[in-house]
Structures are given as C-alpha cells and as structure tokens.
Amino acid sequence: MPTFITIGYGDQAGYDRTDPAVRDAAHAHDERLRAAGVRMGVAGSPVQVRNHDDAGTDMRDGSFLTSALPVGGFAVIEAASMEEAIEMVSRTPCAVAHGVVEVWPLRDTP
C-alpha cells in the first residue's frame, strides 16, 4: 500500500477561533486514525544537518523552510491513493482549525 507523509501547519489563534465541537471532532478523528495504525506526533524543535561532500557534519538549530503558519505535526499514513490520503487528513485539527495539511507521497528509492 502506498505511504504518505503529512505535515500539519496551524497556530493557536486559528485553533482558538474554531468552534470547540469541531475541534473535539477533529481530535476524535485523530484518535481513530491512531487506532487504525497511523503514526503521528506534534512537531518538536528541528535541527538542520549538512555534510557537503562528506567533509564533516554541520548542525544548526532551527528549520530550513519557513511558512506563514508554524509546523504543528507530522504523520505517516498508508492509503490506497492520494485521494484516500486526502480524505483521511481532511478532518484533522490542522485542516479544520484554519491551518493546512500537506500530503506528500513517499516513493521507494531504487
């Protein structure tokens, strides 16, 4: 089955202005996804790692990418298609609370 990586973006202000019943339903949806085997978690502080030309590891605190909303969390899901993956994440907290969820297909490397 195809694997997808999801990245959820959202902020406290968007979460707070979402109806509490909608938020509660979104959290219940996440619990159902976890129970079905989806691996998800809240984003911690990132570290950038470089090792250009295998000349030595360089680490820097902080994210490389920036966005209008902070990263809220990640998930690894299996779904039959991109459409199914989208359906699975469309009712998660970041999607319903004025944030956004990116869905990235993960392709095997040869």
C-alpha atoms as a PDB file:
ATOM      1  CA  MET A   1       0.000   0.000   0.000  1.00  0.00           C
ATOM      2  CA  PRO A   2       1.350   3.492  -0.796  1.00  0.00           C
ATOM      3  CA  THR A   3       2.800   5.545   2.060  1.00  0.00           C
ATOM      4  CA  PHE A   4       2.244   9.272   2.551  1.00  0.00           C
ATOM      5  CA  ILE A   5       3.930  11.814   4.827  1.00  0.00           C
ATOM      6  CA  THR A   6       1.714  14.609   6.094  1.00  0.00           C
ATOM      7  CA  ILE A   7       2.769  17.941   7.536  1.00  0.00           C
ATOM      8  CA  GLY A   8       0.209  19.917   9.508  1.00  0.00           C
ATOM      9  CA  TYR A   9       0.523  23.682   9.880  1.00  0.00           C
ATOM     10  CA  GLY A  10      -1.515  25.786  12.271  1.00  0.00           C
ATOM     11  CA  ASP A  11      -1.384  28.317  15.040  1.00  0.00           C
ATOM     12  CA  GLN A  12      -3.107  28.829  18.354  1.00  0.00           C
ATOM     13  CA  ALA A  13      -5.191  31.744  17.050  1.00  0.00           C
ATOM     14  CA  GLY A  14      -6.751  29.601  14.312  1.00  0.00           C
ATOM     15  CA  TYR A  15      -7.335  26.784  16.773  1.00  0.00           C
ATOM     16  CA  ASP A  16      -8.956  29.131  19.287  1.00  0.00           C
ATOM     17  CA  ARG A  17     -11.381  30.622  16.747  1.00  0.00           C
ATOM     18  CA  THR A  18     -12.609  27.183  15.662  1.00  0.00           C
ATOM     19  CA  ASP A  19     -15.842  26.005  17.247  1.00  0.00           C
ATOM     20  CA  PRO A  20     -14.983  23.712  20.189  1.00  0.00           C
ATOM     21  CA  ALA A  21     -17.307  20.986  18.844  1.00  0.00           C
ATOM     22  CA  VAL A  22     -15.394  20.996  15.537  1.00  0.00           C
ATOM     23  CA  ARG A  23     -12.071  20.811  17.396  1.00  0.00           C
ATOM     24  CA  ASP A  24     -13.314  17.951  19.577  1.00  0.00           C
ATOM     25  CA  ALA A  25     -14.486  16.046  16.492  1.00  0.00           C
ATOM     26  CA  ALA A  26     -11.086  16.625  14.848  1.00  0.00           C
ATOM     27  CA  HIS A  27      -9.239  15.248  17.877  1.00  0.00           C
ATOM     28  CA  ALA A  28     -11.568  12.232  17.947  1.00  0.00           C
ATOM     29  CA  HIS A  29     -10.823  11.728  14.239  1.00  0.00           C
ATOM     30  CA  ASP A  30      -7.070  11.734  15.014  1.00  0.00           C
ATOM     31  CA  GLU A  31      -7.623   9.123  17.730  1.00  0.00           C
ATOM     32  CA  ARG A  32      -9.416   6.890  15.196  1.00  0.00           C
ATOM     33  CA  LEU A  33      -6.517   7.314  12.769  1.00  0.00           C
ATOM     34  CA  ARG A  34      -4.025   6.374  15.508  1.00  0.00           C
ATOM     35  CA  ALA A  35      -6.121   3.339  16.423  1.00  0.00           C
ATOM     36  CA  ALA A  36      -6.000   2.315  12.738  1.00  0.00           C
ATOM     37  CA  GLY A  37      -2.197   2.435  12.771  1.00  0.00           C
ATOM     38  CA  VAL A  38      -1.385   5.956  11.590  1.00  0.00           C
ATOM     39  CA  ARG A  39       1.792   7.212  13.221  1.00  0.00           C
ATOM     40  CA  MET A  40       1.523  10.889  14.132  1.00  0.00           C
ATOM     41  CA  GLY A  41       3.003  13.364  16.524  1.00  0.00           C
ATOM     42  CA  VAL A  42       3.466  17.012  17.420  1.00  0.00           C
ATOM     43  CA  ALA A  43       6.483  18.713  15.885  1.00  0.00           C
ATOM     44  CA  GLY A  44       9.441  19.385  18.166  1.00  0.00           C
ATOM     45  CA  SER A  45      12.325  21.768  17.568  1.00  0.00           C
ATOM     46  CA  PRO A  46      14.161  20.994  14.312  1.00  0.00           C
ATOM     47  CA  VAL A  47      17.864  20.694  13.615  1.00  0.00           C
ATOM     48  CA  GLN A  48      19.382  21.191  10.159  1.00  0.00           C
ATOM     49  CA  VAL A  49      22.066  18.671   9.194  1.00  0.00           C
ATOM     50  CA  ARG A  50      24.544  19.116   6.369  1.00  0.00           C
ATOM     51  CA  ASN A  51      27.524  17.024   5.328  1.00  0.00           C
ATOM     52  CA  HIS A  52      28.501  18.508   1.971  1.00  0.00           C
ATOM     53  CA  ASP A  53      30.889  16.325   0.031  1.00  0.00           C
ATOM     54  CA  ASP A  54      31.149  14.068   3.109  1.00  0.00           C
ATOM     55  CA  ALA A  55      33.561  16.640   4.536  1.00  0.00           C
ATOM     56  CA  GLY A  56      32.087  16.792   8.028  1.00  0.00           C
ATOM     57  CA  THR A  57      28.737  17.214   9.686  1.00  0.00           C
ATOM     58  CA  ASP A  58      27.395  20.725  10.239  1.00  0.00           C
ATOM     59  CA  MET A  59      24.367  21.102  12.537  1.00  0.00           C
ATOM     60  CA  ARG A  60      22.277  24.219  13.023  1.00  0.00           C
ATOM     61  CA  ASP A  61      19.285  24.693  15.280  1.00  0.00           C
ATOM     62  CA  GLY A  62      16.077  25.794  13.605  1.00  0.00           C
ATOM     63  CA  SER A  63      14.129  24.997  10.492  1.00  0.00           C
ATOM     64  CA  PHE A  64      15.374  25.410   6.948  1.00  0.00           C
ATOM     65  CA  LEU A  65      11.920  26.089   5.470  1.00  0.00           C
ATOM     66  CA  THR A  66       9.638  28.862   6.625  1.00  0.00           C
ATOM     67  CA  SER A  67       5.887  29.229   6.254  1.00  0.00           C
ATOM     68  CA  ALA A  68       3.108  31.609   7.216  1.00  0.00           C
ATOM     69  CA  LEU A  69       1.971  29.125   9.892  1.00  0.00           C
ATOM     70  CA  PRO A  70       4.180  27.085  12.216  1.00  0.00           C
ATOM     71  CA  VAL A  71       4.532  23.340  11.719  1.00  0.00           C
ATOM     72  CA  GLY A  72       2.136  21.629  14.086  1.00  0.00           C
ATOM     73  CA  GLY A  73       2.879  17.980  13.474  1.00  0.00           C
ATOM     74  CA  PHE A  74       3.617  15.094  11.167  1.00  0.00           C
ATOM     75  CA  ALA A  75       2.051  11.759  10.306  1.00  0.00           C
ATOM     76  CA  VAL A  76       2.969   8.699   8.290  1.00  0.00           C
ATOM     77  CA  ILE A  77      -0.097   7.115   6.733  1.00  0.00           C
ATOM     78  CA  GLU A  78      -0.820   4.278   4.347  1.00  0.00           C
ATOM     79  CA  ALA A  79      -3.655   4.747   1.888  1.00  0.00           C
ATOM     80  CA  ALA A  80      -4.689   3.182  -1.399  1.00  0.00           C
ATOM     81  CA  SER A  81      -4.442   6.504  -3.241  1.00  0.00           C
ATOM     82  CA  MET A  82      -3.733  10.210  -2.858  1.00  0.00           C
ATOM     83  CA  GLU A  83      -7.490  10.781  -2.757  1.00  0.00           C
ATOM     84  CA  GLU A  84      -7.861   8.386   0.185  1.00  0.00           C
ATOM     85  CA  ALA A  85      -4.930  10.028   1.987  1.00  0.00           C
ATOM     86  CA  ILE A  86      -6.546  13.445   1.486  1.00  0.00           C
ATOM     87  CA  GLU A  87      -9.838  12.139   2.853  1.00  0.00           C
ATOM     88  CA  MET A  88      -8.025  10.730   5.898  1.00  0.00           C
ATOM     89  CA  VAL A  89      -6.424  14.068   6.821  1.00  0.00           C
ATOM     90  CA  SER A  90      -9.253  16.397   5.802  1.00  0.00           C
ATOM     91  CA  ARG A  91     -10.840  16.273   9.268  1.00  0.00           C
ATOM     92  CA  THR A  92      -7.694  16.543  11.411  1.00  0.00           C
ATOM     93  CA  PRO A  93      -7.192  19.536  13.734  1.00  0.00           C
ATOM     94  CA  CYS A  94      -4.806  21.448  11.447  1.00  0.00           C
ATOM     95  CA  ALA A  95      -7.156  21.040   8.477  1.00  0.00           C
ATOM     96  CA  VAL A  96     -10.297  22.196  10.292  1.00  0.00           C
ATOM     97  CA  ALA A  97      -8.793  24.843  12.613  1.00  0.00           C
ATOM     98  CA  HIS A  98      -7.775  27.391   9.957  1.00  0.00           C
ATOM     99  CA  GLY A  99      -4.492  25.651   9.181  1.00  0.00           C
ATOM    100  CA  VAL A 100      -3.391  23.408   6.334  1.00  0.00           C
ATOM    101  CA  VAL A 101      -2.144  19.848   5.894  1.00  0.00           C
ATOM    102  CA  GLU A 102       0.280  18.900   3.131  1.00  0.00           C
ATOM    103  CA  VAL A 103       0.178  15.322   1.851  1.00  0.00           C
ATOM    104  CA  TRP A 104       3.414  14.047   0.296  1.00  0.00           C
ATOM    105  CA  PRO A 105       3.564  10.689  -1.481  1.00  0.00           C
ATOM    106  CA  LEU A 106       6.600   8.722  -0.347  1.00  0.00           C
ATOM    107  CA  ARG A 107       8.225   6.837  -3.203  1.00  0.00           C
ATOM    108  CA  ASP A 108      10.615   3.955  -2.705  1.00  0.00           C
ATOM    109  CA  THR A 109      14.135   4.566  -3.900  1.00  0.00           C
ATOM    110  CA  PRO A 110      15.756   2.039  -6.197  1.00  0.00           C
END
